[in-house]
Amino acid sequence: MNRNDRVWQMVARVPCGRVATYGQIAELVGLPGRSAARQVGYALAALKDGTKVPWHRVLNANGQVSPRGDPDRPEYQRILLEAEGIEIGLRGQIDLARYRWRPRLPRRT
């Protein structure tokens, strides 16, 4: 399975009302190196319009929506997050302690 597929499958697991960071997704799918979080961004940018992958639930390490090439996309992302009950602070920050997704990983034996 390629990088994009692994990222998309992991992001698809983030439930409604929760968020993850680019770095968190990178770690969960095993992407190596300093550019791992950026690679998650590239994978999400490669999604086709109309996808069911909840790309809008992925934020930067500060709990903020990252700017994109399309100037309307960040506002659209905020609207989608607020529709799921996620509160966004005055400075555009989301409380990661409150809303971060914590997946249950299989126990190692």
PDB file of N, CA and C in Angstrom:
ATOM      1  N   MET A   1       0.859  -1.180   0.000  1.00  0.00           N
ATOM      2  CA  MET A   1       0.000   0.000   0.000  1.00  0.00           C
ATOM      3  C   MET A   1       0.903   1.240   0.000  1.00  0.00           C
ATOM      4  N   ASN A   2       0.569   2.211  -0.830  1.00  0.00           N
ATOM      5  CA  ASN A   2       1.420   3.395  -0.923  1.00  0.00           C
ATOM      6  C   ASN A   2       1.126   4.393   0.206  1.00  0.00           C
ATOM      7  N   ARG A   3       1.972   5.407   0.278  1.00  0.00           N
ATOM      8  CA  ARG A   3       1.870   6.412   1.339  1.00  0.00           C
ATOM      9  C   ARG A   3       0.495   7.066   1.384  1.00  0.00           C
ATOM     10  N   ASN A   4       0.008   7.505   0.245  1.00  0.00           N
ATOM     11  CA  ASN A   4      -1.276   8.193   0.238  1.00  0.00           C
ATOM     12  C   ASN A   4      -2.390   7.303   0.774  1.00  0.00           C
ATOM     13  N   ASP A   5      -2.419   6.063   0.321  1.00  0.00           N
ATOM     14  CA  ASP A   5      -3.460   5.142   0.795  1.00  0.00           C
ATOM     15  C   ASP A   5      -3.382   4.942   2.304  1.00  0.00           C
ATOM     16  N   ARG A   6      -2.164   4.815   2.832  1.00  0.00           N
ATOM     17  CA  ARG A   6      -2.008   4.631   4.283  1.00  0.00           C
ATOM     18  C   ARG A   6      -2.501   5.858   5.043  1.00  0.00           C
ATOM     19  N   VAL A   7      -2.156   7.036   4.546  1.00  0.00           N
ATOM     20  CA  VAL A   7      -2.603   8.284   5.185  1.00  0.00           C
ATOM     21  C   VAL A   7      -4.117   8.389   5.117  1.00  0.00           C
ATOM     22  N   TRP A   8      -4.686   8.154   3.950  1.00  0.00           N
ATOM     23  CA  TRP A   8      -6.134   8.283   3.795  1.00  0.00           C
ATOM     24  C   TRP A   8      -6.879   7.312   4.699  1.00  0.00           C
ATOM     25  N   GLN A   9      -6.385   6.085   4.809  1.00  0.00           N
ATOM     26  CA  GLN A   9      -7.046   5.106   5.680  1.00  0.00           C
ATOM     27  C   GLN A   9      -6.997   5.533   7.143  1.00  0.00           C
ATOM     28  N   MET A  10      -5.876   6.109   7.569  1.00  0.00           N
ATOM     29  CA  MET A  10      -5.764   6.545   8.962  1.00  0.00           C
ATOM     30  C   MET A  10      -6.652   7.763   9.220  1.00  0.00           C
ATOM     31  N   VAL A  11      -6.649   8.719   8.314  1.00  0.00           N
ATOM     32  CA  VAL A  11      -7.487   9.913   8.483  1.00  0.00           C
ATOM     33  C   VAL A  11      -8.959   9.517   8.491  1.00  0.00           C
ATOM     34  N   ALA A  12      -9.324   8.511   7.727  1.00  0.00           N
ATOM     35  CA  ALA A  12     -10.714   8.042   7.699  1.00  0.00           C
ATOM     36  C   ALA A  12     -11.157   7.503   9.061  1.00  0.00           C
ATOM     37  N   ARG A  13     -10.210   7.142   9.911  1.00  0.00           N
ATOM     38  CA  ARG A  13     -10.537   6.622  11.244  1.00  0.00           C
ATOM     39  C   ARG A  13     -10.798   7.731  12.270  1.00  0.00           C
ATOM     40  N   VAL A  14     -10.416   8.979  11.963  1.00  0.00           N
ATOM     41  CA  VAL A  14     -10.615  10.084  12.905  1.00  0.00           C
ATOM     42  C   VAL A  14     -12.122  10.349  13.000  1.00  0.00           C
ATOM     43  N   PRO A  15     -12.696  10.181  14.194  1.00  0.00           N
ATOM     44  CA  PRO A  15     -14.152  10.308  14.308  1.00  0.00           C
ATOM     45  C   PRO A  15     -14.650  11.750  14.282  1.00  0.00           C
ATOM     46  N   CYS A  16     -15.902  11.885  13.975  1.00  0.00           N
ATOM     47  CA  CYS A  16     -16.576  13.176  13.992  1.00  0.00           C
ATOM     48  C   CYS A  16     -16.395  13.810  15.371  1.00  0.00           C
ATOM     49  N   GLY A  17     -16.083  15.098  15.395  1.00  0.00           N
ATOM     50  CA  GLY A  17     -15.906  15.804  16.654  1.00  0.00           C
ATOM     51  C   GLY A  17     -14.514  15.692  17.242  1.00  0.00           C
ATOM     52  N   ARG A  18     -13.600  15.051  16.522  1.00  0.00           N
ATOM     53  CA  ARG A  18     -12.210  14.896  16.964  1.00  0.00           C
ATOM     54  C   ARG A  18     -11.286  15.375  15.852  1.00  0.00           C
ATOM     55  N   VAL A  19     -10.055  15.714  16.217  1.00  0.00           N
ATOM     56  CA  VAL A  19      -9.053  16.144  15.244  1.00  0.00           C
ATOM     57  C   VAL A  19      -7.754  15.397  15.488  1.00  0.00           C
ATOM     58  N   ALA A  20      -6.888  15.427  14.500  1.00  0.00           N
ATOM     59  CA  ALA A  20      -5.536  14.883  14.610  1.00  0.00           C
ATOM     60  C   ALA A  20      -4.601  15.905  13.990  1.00  0.00           C
ATOM     61  N   THR A  21      -3.330  15.793  14.291  1.00  0.00           N
ATOM     62  CA  THR A  21      -2.347  16.670  13.660  1.00  0.00           C
ATOM     63  C   THR A  21      -1.657  15.921  12.524  1.00  0.00           C
ATOM     64  N   TYR A  22      -1.049  16.689  11.642  1.00  0.00           N
ATOM     65  CA  TYR A  22      -0.301  16.085  10.541  1.00  0.00           C
ATOM     66  C   TYR A  22       0.780  15.159  11.101  1.00  0.00           C
ATOM     67  N   GLY A  23       1.488  15.620  12.122  1.00  0.00           N
ATOM     68  CA  GLY A  23       2.540  14.811  12.727  1.00  0.00           C
ATOM     69  C   GLY A  23       2.017  13.547  13.370  1.00  0.00           C
ATOM     70  N   GLN A  24       0.856  13.641  13.994  1.00  0.00           N
ATOM     71  CA  GLN A  24       0.239  12.471  14.626  1.00  0.00           C
ATOM     72  C   GLN A  24      -0.094  11.417  13.573  1.00  0.00           C
ATOM     73  N   ILE A  25      -0.687  11.840  12.473  1.00  0.00           N
ATOM     74  CA  ILE A  25      -1.022  10.896  11.405  1.00  0.00           C
ATOM     75  C   ILE A  25       0.260  10.289  10.833  1.00  0.00           C
ATOM     76  N   ALA A  26       1.286  11.105  10.638  1.00  0.00           N
ATOM     77  CA  ALA A  26       2.557  10.608  10.112  1.00  0.00           C
ATOM     78  C   ALA A  26       3.124   9.525  11.015  1.00  0.00           C
ATOM     79  N   GLU A  27       3.092   9.759  12.312  1.00  0.00           N
ATOM     80  CA  GLU A  27       3.609   8.765  13.258  1.00  0.00           C
ATOM     81  C   GLU A  27       2.787   7.483  13.214  1.00  0.00           C
ATOM     82  N   LEU A  28       1.469   7.622  13.158  1.00  0.00           N
ATOM     83  CA  LEU A  28       0.599   6.448  13.165  1.00  0.00           C
ATOM     84  C   LEU A  28       0.784   5.560  11.934  1.00  0.00           C
ATOM     85  N   VAL A  29       1.109   6.177  10.798  1.00  0.00           N
ATOM     86  CA  VAL A  29       1.289   5.377   9.579  1.00  0.00           C
ATOM     87  C   VAL A  29       2.751   5.035   9.327  1.00  0.00           C
ATOM     88  N   GLY A  30       3.638   5.498  10.206  1.00  0.00           N
ATOM     89  CA  GLY A  30       5.042   5.132  10.103  1.00  0.00           C
ATOM     90  C   GLY A  30       5.837   5.876   9.064  1.00  0.00           C
ATOM     91  N   LEU A  31       5.497   7.135   8.807  1.00  0.00           N
ATOM     92  CA  LEU A  31       6.275   7.920   7.851  1.00  0.00           C
ATOM     93  C   LEU A  31       7.548   8.407   8.534  1.00  0.00           C
ATOM     94  N   PRO A  32       8.690   8.237   7.894  1.00  0.00           N
ATOM     95  CA  PRO A  32       9.963   8.597   8.519  1.00  0.00           C
ATOM     96  C   PRO A  32      10.386  10.039   8.229  1.00  0.00           C
ATOM     97  N   GLY A  33      11.279  10.531   9.049  1.00  0.00           N
ATOM     98  CA  GLY A  33      11.998  11.770   8.762  1.00  0.00           C
ATOM     99  C   GLY A  33      11.313  13.049   9.166  1.00  0.00           C
ATOM    100  N   ARG A  34      12.065  14.110   8.956  1.00  0.00           N
ATOM    101  CA  ARG A  34      11.608  15.450   9.344  1.00  0.00           C
ATOM    102  C   ARG A  34      10.460  15.952   8.481  1.00  0.00           C
ATOM    103  N   SER A  35      10.310  15.393   7.292  1.00  0.00           N
ATOM    104  CA  SER A  35       9.252  15.860   6.386  1.00  0.00           C
ATOM    105  C   SER A  35       7.985  15.013   6.497  1.00  0.00           C
ATOM    106  N   ALA A  36       7.895  14.160   7.501  1.00  0.00           N
ATOM    107  CA  ALA A  36       6.767  13.230   7.612  1.00  0.00           C
ATOM    108  C   ALA A  36       5.425  13.958   7.671  1.00  0.00           C
ATOM    109  N   ALA A  37       5.329  14.995   8.491  1.00  0.00           N
ATOM    110  CA  ALA A  37       4.065  15.734   8.595  1.00  0.00           C
ATOM    111  C   ALA A  37       3.711  16.386   7.265  1.00  0.00           C
ATOM    112  N   ARG A  38       4.726  16.906   6.580  1.00  0.00           N
ATOM    113  CA  ARG A  38       4.494  17.521   5.267  1.00  0.00           C
ATOM    114  C   ARG A  38       3.997  16.486   4.264  1.00  0.00           C
ATOM    115  N   GLN A  39       4.513  15.255   4.368  1.00  0.00           N
ATOM    116  CA  GLN A  39       4.061  14.191   3.481  1.00  0.00           C
ATOM    117  C   GLN A  39       2.573  13.895   3.686  1.00  0.00           C
ATOM    118  N   VAL A  40       2.108  13.994   4.921  1.00  0.00           N
ATOM    119  CA  VAL A  40       0.671  13.828   5.197  1.00  0.00           C
ATOM    120  C   VAL A  40      -0.098  14.924   4.463  1.00  0.00           C
ATOM    121  N   GLY A  41       0.405  16.137   4.522  1.00  0.00           N
ATOM    122  CA  GLY A  41      -0.236  17.242   3.802  1.00  0.00           C
ATOM    123  C   GLY A  41      -0.296  16.996   2.308  1.00  0.00           C
ATOM    124  N   TYR A  42       0.780  16.463   1.743  1.00  0.00           N
ATOM    125  CA  TYR A  42       0.786  16.150   0.311  1.00  0.00           C
ATOM    126  C   TYR A  42      -0.260  15.085  -0.014  1.00  0.00           C
ATOM    127  N   ALA A  43      -0.354  14.077   0.854  1.00  0.00           N
ATOM    128  CA  ALA A  43      -1.333  13.013   0.620  1.00  0.00           C
ATOM    129  C   ALA A  43      -2.754  13.575   0.664  1.00  0.00           C
ATOM    130  N   LEU A  44      -3.020  14.450   1.625  1.00  0.00           N
ATOM    131  CA  LEU A  44      -4.370  15.021   1.720  1.00  0.00           C
ATOM    132  C   LEU A  44      -4.658  15.959   0.555  1.00  0.00           C
ATOM    133  N   ALA A  45      -3.642  16.652   0.081  1.00  0.00           N
ATOM    134  CA  ALA A  45      -3.823  17.535  -1.079  1.00  0.00           C
ATOM    135  C   ALA A  45      -4.146  16.734  -2.338  1.00  0.00           C
ATOM    136  N   ALA A  46      -3.759  15.467  -2.364  1.00  0.00           N
ATOM    137  CA  ALA A  46      -3.998  14.618  -3.530  1.00  0.00           C
ATOM    138  C   ALA A  46      -5.400  14.007  -3.550  1.00  0.00           C
ATOM    139  N   LEU A  47      -6.181  14.250  -2.502  1.00  0.00           N
ATOM    140  CA  LEU A  47      -7.556  13.715  -2.478  1.00  0.00           C
ATOM    141  C   LEU A  47      -8.389  14.338  -3.595  1.00  0.00           C
ATOM    142  N   LYS A  48      -9.262  13.554  -4.154  1.00  0.00           N
ATOM    143  CA  LYS A  48     -10.169  14.049  -5.191  1.00  0.00           C
ATOM    144  C   LYS A  48     -11.320  14.825  -4.541  1.00  0.00           C
ATOM    145  N   ASP A  49     -11.862  15.782  -5.264  1.00  0.00           N
ATOM    146  CA  ASP A  49     -13.041  16.508  -4.778  1.00  0.00           C
ATOM    147  C   ASP A  49     -14.165  15.516  -4.512  1.00  0.00           C
ATOM    148  N   GLY A  50     -14.911  15.763  -3.461  1.00  0.00           N
ATOM    149  CA  GLY A  50     -16.036  14.904  -3.132  1.00  0.00           C
ATOM    150  C   GLY A  50     -15.656  13.671  -2.335  1.00  0.00           C
ATOM    151  N   THR A  51     -14.408  13.590  -1.891  1.00  0.00           N
ATOM    152  CA  THR A  51     -13.962  12.436  -1.125  1.00  0.00           C
ATOM    153  C   THR A  51     -14.722  12.316   0.197  1.00  0.00           C
ATOM    154  N   LYS A  52     -14.787  11.107   0.705  1.00  0.00           N
ATOM    155  CA  LYS A  52     -15.393  10.880   2.012  1.00  0.00           C
ATOM    156  C   LYS A  52     -14.346  10.867   3.127  1.00  0.00           C
ATOM    157  N   VAL A  53     -13.070  10.981   2.768  1.00  0.00           N
ATOM    158  CA  VAL A  53     -12.005  11.049   3.772  1.00  0.00           C
ATOM    159  C   VAL A  53     -12.130  12.401   4.480  1.00  0.00           C
ATOM    160  N   PRO A  54     -12.241  12.404   5.809  1.00  0.00           N
ATOM    161  CA  PRO A  54     -12.463  13.666   6.540  1.00  0.00           C
ATOM    162  C   PRO A  54     -11.177  14.482   6.708  1.00  0.00           C
ATOM    163  N   TRP A  55     -10.633  14.955   5.616  1.00  0.00           N
ATOM    164  CA  TRP A  55      -9.395  15.732   5.582  1.00  0.00           C
ATOM    165  C   TRP A  55      -9.446  16.934   6.505  1.00  0.00           C
ATOM    166  N   HIS A  56     -10.643  17.478   6.710  1.00  0.00           N
ATOM    167  CA  HIS A  56     -10.803  18.697   7.489  1.00  0.00           C
ATOM    168  C   HIS A  56     -10.473  18.500   8.971  1.00  0.00           C
ATOM    169  N   ARG A  57     -10.361  17.254   9.413  1.00  0.00           N
ATOM    170  CA  ARG A  57     -10.068  16.955  10.812  1.00  0.00           C
ATOM    171  C   ARG A  57      -8.569  16.928  11.110  1.00  0.00           C
ATOM    172  N   VAL A  58      -7.744  17.251  10.126  1.00  0.00           N
ATOM    173  CA  VAL A  58      -6.296  17.241  10.327  1.00  0.00           C
ATOM    174  C   VAL A  58      -5.803  18.689  10.398  1.00  0.00           C
ATOM    175  N   LEU A  59      -5.064  18.973  11.487  1.00  0.00           N
ATOM    176  CA  LEU A  59      -4.596  20.328  11.790  1.00  0.00           C
ATOM    177  C   LEU A  59      -3.085  20.352  11.940  1.00  0.00           C
ATOM    178  N   ASN A  60      -2.539  21.559  12.015  1.00  0.00           N
ATOM    179  CA  ASN A  60      -1.102  21.654  12.272  1.00  0.00           C
ATOM    180  C   ASN A  60      -0.821  21.428  13.755  1.00  0.00           C
ATOM    181  N   ALA A  61       0.438  21.399  14.120  1.00  0.00           N
ATOM    182  CA  ALA A  61       0.854  21.068  15.485  1.00  0.00           C
ATOM    183  C   ALA A  61       0.357  22.083  16.514  1.00  0.00           C
ATOM    184  N   ASN A  62      -0.002  23.278  16.066  1.00  0.00           N
ATOM    185  CA  ASN A  62      -0.521  24.314  16.970  1.00  0.00           C
ATOM    186  C   ASN A  62      -2.031  24.229  17.144  1.00  0.00           C
ATOM    187  N   GLY A  63      -2.655  23.243  16.503  1.00  0.00           N
ATOM    188  CA  GLY A  63      -4.105  23.122  16.595  1.00  0.00           C
ATOM    189  C   GLY A  63      -4.836  24.116  15.718  1.00  0.00           C
ATOM    190  N   GLN A  64      -4.203  24.498  14.636  1.00  0.00           N
ATOM    191  CA  GLN A  64      -4.799  25.467  13.723  1.00  0.00           C
ATOM    192  C   GLN A  64      -4.936  24.894  12.323  1.00  0.00           C
ATOM    193  N   VAL A  65      -5.853  25.466  11.574  1.00  0.00           N
ATOM    194  CA  VAL A  65      -6.017  25.137  10.165  1.00  0.00           C
ATOM    195  C   VAL A  65      -4.813  25.710   9.423  1.00  0.00           C
ATOM    196  N   SER A  66      -4.186  24.917   8.585  1.00  0.00           N
ATOM    197  CA  SER A  66      -3.035  25.385   7.815  1.00  0.00           C
ATOM    198  C   SER A  66      -3.510  26.050   6.528  1.00  0.00           C
ATOM    199  N   PRO A  67      -2.850  27.143   6.156  1.00  0.00           N
ATOM    200  CA  PRO A  67      -3.231  27.806   4.899  1.00  0.00           C
ATOM    201  C   PRO A  67      -2.952  26.896   3.708  1.00  0.00           C
ATOM    202  N   ARG A  68      -3.722  27.066   2.660  1.00  0.00           N
ATOM    203  CA  ARG A  68      -3.572  26.265   1.451  1.00  0.00           C
ATOM    204  C   ARG A  68      -3.552  27.175   0.235  1.00  0.00           C
ATOM    205  N   GLY A  69      -3.361  26.580  -0.930  1.00  0.00           N
ATOM    206  CA  GLY A  69      -3.346  27.346  -2.170  1.00  0.00           C
ATOM    207  C   GLY A  69      -4.673  28.024  -2.452  1.00  0.00           C
ATOM    208  N   ASP A  70      -5.765  27.361  -2.131  1.00  0.00           N
ATOM    209  CA  ASP A  70      -7.102  27.919  -2.343  1.00  0.00           C
ATOM    210  C   ASP A  70      -7.445  28.774  -1.125  1.00  0.00           C
ATOM    211  N   PRO A  71      -7.594  30.084  -1.304  1.00  0.00           N
ATOM    212  CA  PRO A  71      -7.830  30.960  -0.149  1.00  0.00           C
ATOM    213  C   PRO A  71      -9.156  30.703   0.579  1.00  0.00           C
ATOM    214  N   ASP A  72     -10.114  30.059  -0.070  1.00  0.00           N
ATOM    215  CA  ASP A  72     -11.399  29.771   0.571  1.00  0.00           C
ATOM    216  C   ASP A  72     -11.379  28.468   1.372  1.00  0.00           C
ATOM    217  N   ARG A  73     -10.381  27.621   1.143  1.00  0.00           N
ATOM    218  CA  ARG A  73     -10.343  26.292   1.766  1.00  0.00           C
ATOM    219  C   ARG A  73     -10.229  26.341   3.293  1.00  0.00           C
ATOM    220  N   PRO A  74      -9.363  27.191   3.873  1.00  0.00           N
ATOM    221  CA  PRO A  74      -9.284  27.234   5.337  1.00  0.00           C
ATOM    222  C   PRO A  74     -10.615  27.611   5.997  1.00  0.00           C
ATOM    223  N   GLU A  75     -11.329  28.547   5.419  1.00  0.00           N
ATOM    224  CA  GLU A  75     -12.622  28.930   5.997  1.00  0.00           C
ATOM    225  C   GLU A  75     -13.617  27.781   5.875  1.00  0.00           C
ATOM    226  N   TYR A  76     -13.594  27.086   4.751  1.00  0.00           N
ATOM    227  CA  TYR A  76     -14.458  25.923   4.570  1.00  0.00           C
ATOM    228  C   TYR A  76     -14.133  24.853   5.608  1.00  0.00           C
ATOM    229  N   GLN A  77     -12.847  24.653   5.870  1.00  0.00           N
ATOM    230  CA  GLN A  77     -12.425  23.674   6.874  1.00  0.00           C
ATOM    231  C   GLN A  77     -12.958  24.068   8.250  1.00  0.00           C
ATOM    232  N   ARG A  78     -12.864  25.332   8.598  1.00  0.00           N
ATOM    233  CA  ARG A  78     -13.383  25.807   9.892  1.00  0.00           C
ATOM    234  C   ARG A  78     -14.894  25.559  10.001  1.00  0.00           C
ATOM    235  N   ILE A  79     -15.613  25.820   8.922  1.00  0.00           N
ATOM    236  CA  ILE A  79     -17.065  25.602   8.915  1.00  0.00           C
ATOM    237  C   ILE A  79     -17.375  24.133   9.160  1.00  0.00           C
ATOM    238  N   LEU A  80     -16.643  23.236   8.497  1.00  0.00           N
ATOM    239  CA  LEU A  80     -16.863  21.797   8.681  1.00  0.00           C
ATOM    240  C   LEU A  80     -16.568  21.375  10.123  1.00  0.00           C
ATOM    241  N   LEU A  81     -15.489  21.893  10.692  1.00  0.00           N
ATOM    242  CA  LEU A  81     -15.135  21.545  12.070  1.00  0.00           C
ATOM    243  C   LEU A  81     -16.185  22.054  13.061  1.00  0.00           C
ATOM    244  N   GLU A  82     -16.622  23.285  12.891  1.00  0.00           N
ATOM    245  CA  GLU A  82     -17.642  23.843  13.792  1.00  0.00           C
ATOM    246  C   GLU A  82     -18.955  23.078  13.665  1.00  0.00           C
ATOM    247  N   ALA A  83     -19.273  22.600  12.470  1.00  0.00           N
ATOM    248  CA  ALA A  83     -20.495  21.818  12.271  1.00  0.00           C
ATOM    249  C   ALA A  83     -20.445  20.503  13.040  1.00  0.00           C
ATOM    250  N   GLU A  84     -19.233  20.040  13.361  1.00  0.00           N
ATOM    251  CA  GLU A  84     -19.065  18.815  14.144  1.00  0.00           C
ATOM    252  C   GLU A  84     -18.975  19.103  15.642  1.00  0.00           C
ATOM    253  N   GLY A  85     -19.165  20.374  16.014  1.00  0.00           N
ATOM    254  CA  GLY A  85     -19.149  20.732  17.427  1.00  0.00           C
ATOM    255  C   GLY A  85     -17.786  21.102  17.968  1.00  0.00           C
ATOM    256  N   ILE A  86     -16.817  21.271  17.114  1.00  0.00           N
ATOM    257  CA  ILE A  86     -15.470  21.637  17.549  1.00  0.00           C
ATOM    258  C   ILE A  86     -15.398  23.156  17.672  1.00  0.00           C
ATOM    259  N   GLU A  87     -15.028  23.614  18.867  1.00  0.00           N
ATOM    260  CA  GLU A  87     -14.927  25.050  19.125  1.00  0.00           C
ATOM    261  C   GLU A  87     -13.575  25.563  18.657  1.00  0.00           C
ATOM    262  N   ILE A  88     -13.607  26.693  17.985  1.00  0.00           N
ATOM    263  CA  ILE A  88     -12.390  27.312  17.483  1.00  0.00           C
ATOM    264  C   ILE A  88     -12.219  28.635  18.211  1.00  0.00           C
ATOM    265  N   GLY A  89     -11.056  28.821  18.828  1.00  0.00           N
ATOM    266  CA  GLY A  89     -10.775  30.029  19.590  1.00  0.00           C
ATOM    267  C   GLY A  89     -10.656  31.259  18.716  1.00  0.00           C
ATOM    268  N   LEU A  90     -10.577  32.403  19.371  1.00  0.00           N
ATOM    269  CA  LEU A  90     -10.504  33.674  18.665  1.00  0.00           C
ATOM    270  C   LEU A  90      -9.294  33.778  17.737  1.00  0.00           C
ATOM    271  N   ARG A  91      -8.203  33.130  18.089  1.00  0.00           N
ATOM    272  CA  ARG A  91      -7.009  33.151  17.250  1.00  0.00           C
ATOM    273  C   ARG A  91      -6.962  31.966  16.296  1.00  0.00           C
ATOM    274  N   GLY A  92      -8.091  31.304  16.106  1.00  0.00           N
ATOM    275  CA  GLY A  92      -8.168  30.195  15.163  1.00  0.00           C
ATOM    276  C   GLY A  92      -7.598  28.900  15.690  1.00  0.00           C
ATOM    277  N   GLN A  93      -7.425  28.830  17.005  1.00  0.00           N
ATOM    278  CA  GLN A  93      -6.809  27.645  17.596  1.00  0.00           C
ATOM    279  C   GLN A  93      -7.862  26.716  18.186  1.00  0.00           C
ATOM    280  N   ILE A  94      -7.621  25.418  18.004  1.00  0.00           N
ATOM    281  CA  ILE A  94      -8.479  24.369  18.555  1.00  0.00           C
ATOM    282  C   ILE A  94      -7.732  23.727  19.716  1.00  0.00           C
ATOM    283  N   ASP A  95      -8.433  23.513  20.796  1.00  0.00           N
ATOM    284  CA  ASP A  95      -7.836  22.929  22.001  1.00  0.00           C
ATOM    285  C   ASP A  95      -7.559  21.448  21.755  1.00  0.00           C
ATOM    286  N   LEU A  96      -6.283  21.137  21.490  1.00  0.00           N
ATOM    287  CA  LEU A  96      -5.914  19.751  21.201  1.00  0.00           C
ATOM    288  C   LEU A  96      -6.090  18.849  22.414  1.00  0.00           C
ATOM    289  N   ALA A  97      -5.922  19.387  23.609  1.00  0.00           N
ATOM    290  CA  ALA A  97      -6.122  18.573  24.813  1.00  0.00           C
ATOM    291  C   ALA A  97      -7.566  18.099  24.899  1.00  0.00           C
ATOM    292  N   ARG A  98      -8.466  18.876  24.376  1.00  0.00           N
ATOM    293  CA  ARG A  98      -9.901  18.537  24.429  1.00  0.00           C
ATOM    294  C   ARG A  98     -10.364  17.721  23.228  1.00  0.00           C
ATOM    295  N   TYR A  99      -9.888  18.067  22.040  1.00  0.00           N
ATOM    296  CA  TYR A  99     -10.442  17.491  20.816  1.00  0.00           C
ATOM    297  C   TYR A  99      -9.546  16.478  20.098  1.00  0.00           C
ATOM    298  N   ARG A 100      -8.308  16.306  20.556  1.00  0.00           N
ATOM    299  CA  ARG A 100      -7.411  15.402  19.836  1.00  0.00           C
ATOM    300  C   ARG A 100      -7.913  13.956  19.914  1.00  0.00           C
ATOM    301  N   TRP A 101      -7.859  13.302  18.768  1.00  0.00           N
ATOM    302  CA  TRP A 101      -8.219  11.887  18.668  1.00  0.00           C
ATOM    303  C   TRP A 101      -7.102  11.053  19.261  1.00  0.00           C
ATOM    304  N   ARG A 102      -7.482  10.102  20.077  1.00  0.00           N
ATOM    305  CA  ARG A 102      -6.524   9.164  20.658  1.00  0.00           C
ATOM    306  C   ARG A 102      -6.932   7.754  20.255  1.00  0.00           C
ATOM    307  N   PRO A 103      -6.333   7.267  19.170  1.00  0.00           N
ATOM    308  CA  PRO A 103      -6.739   5.941  18.674  1.00  0.00           C
ATOM    309  C   PRO A 103      -6.323   4.830  19.637  1.00  0.00           C
ATOM    310  N   ARG A 104      -7.103   3.810  19.629  1.00  0.00           N
ATOM    311  CA  ARG A 104      -6.735   2.616  20.387  1.00  0.00           C
ATOM    312  C   ARG A 104      -5.869   1.753  19.482  1.00  0.00           C
ATOM    313  N   LEU A 105      -4.655   1.563  19.915  1.00  0.00           N
ATOM    314  CA  LEU A 105      -3.718   0.763  19.143  1.00  0.00           C
ATOM    315  C   LEU A 105      -3.680  -0.643  19.707  1.00  0.00           C
ATOM    316  N   PRO A 106      -3.436  -1.627  18.867  1.00  0.00           N
ATOM    317  CA  PRO A 106      -3.358  -2.999  19.366  1.00  0.00           C
ATOM    318  C   PRO A 106      -2.248  -3.136  20.397  1.00  0.00           C
ATOM    319  N   ARG A 107      -2.496  -3.953  21.391  1.00  0.00           N
ATOM    320  CA  ARG A 107      -1.479  -4.198  22.423  1.00  0.00           C
ATOM    321  C   ARG A 107      -0.392  -5.086  21.857  1.00  0.00           C
ATOM    322  N   ARG A 108       0.817  -4.768  22.262  1.00  0.00           N
ATOM    323  CA  ARG A 108       1.954  -5.604  21.859  1.00  0.00           C
ATOM    324  C   ARG A 108       2.140  -6.685  22.905  1.00  0.00           C
ATOM    325  N   THR A 109       2.356  -7.897  22.464  1.00  0.00           N
ATOM    326  CA  THR A 109       2.554  -9.001  23.402  1.00  0.00           C
ATOM    327  C   THR A 109       3.959  -9.534  23.323  1.00  0.00           C
TER     328      THR A 109
END
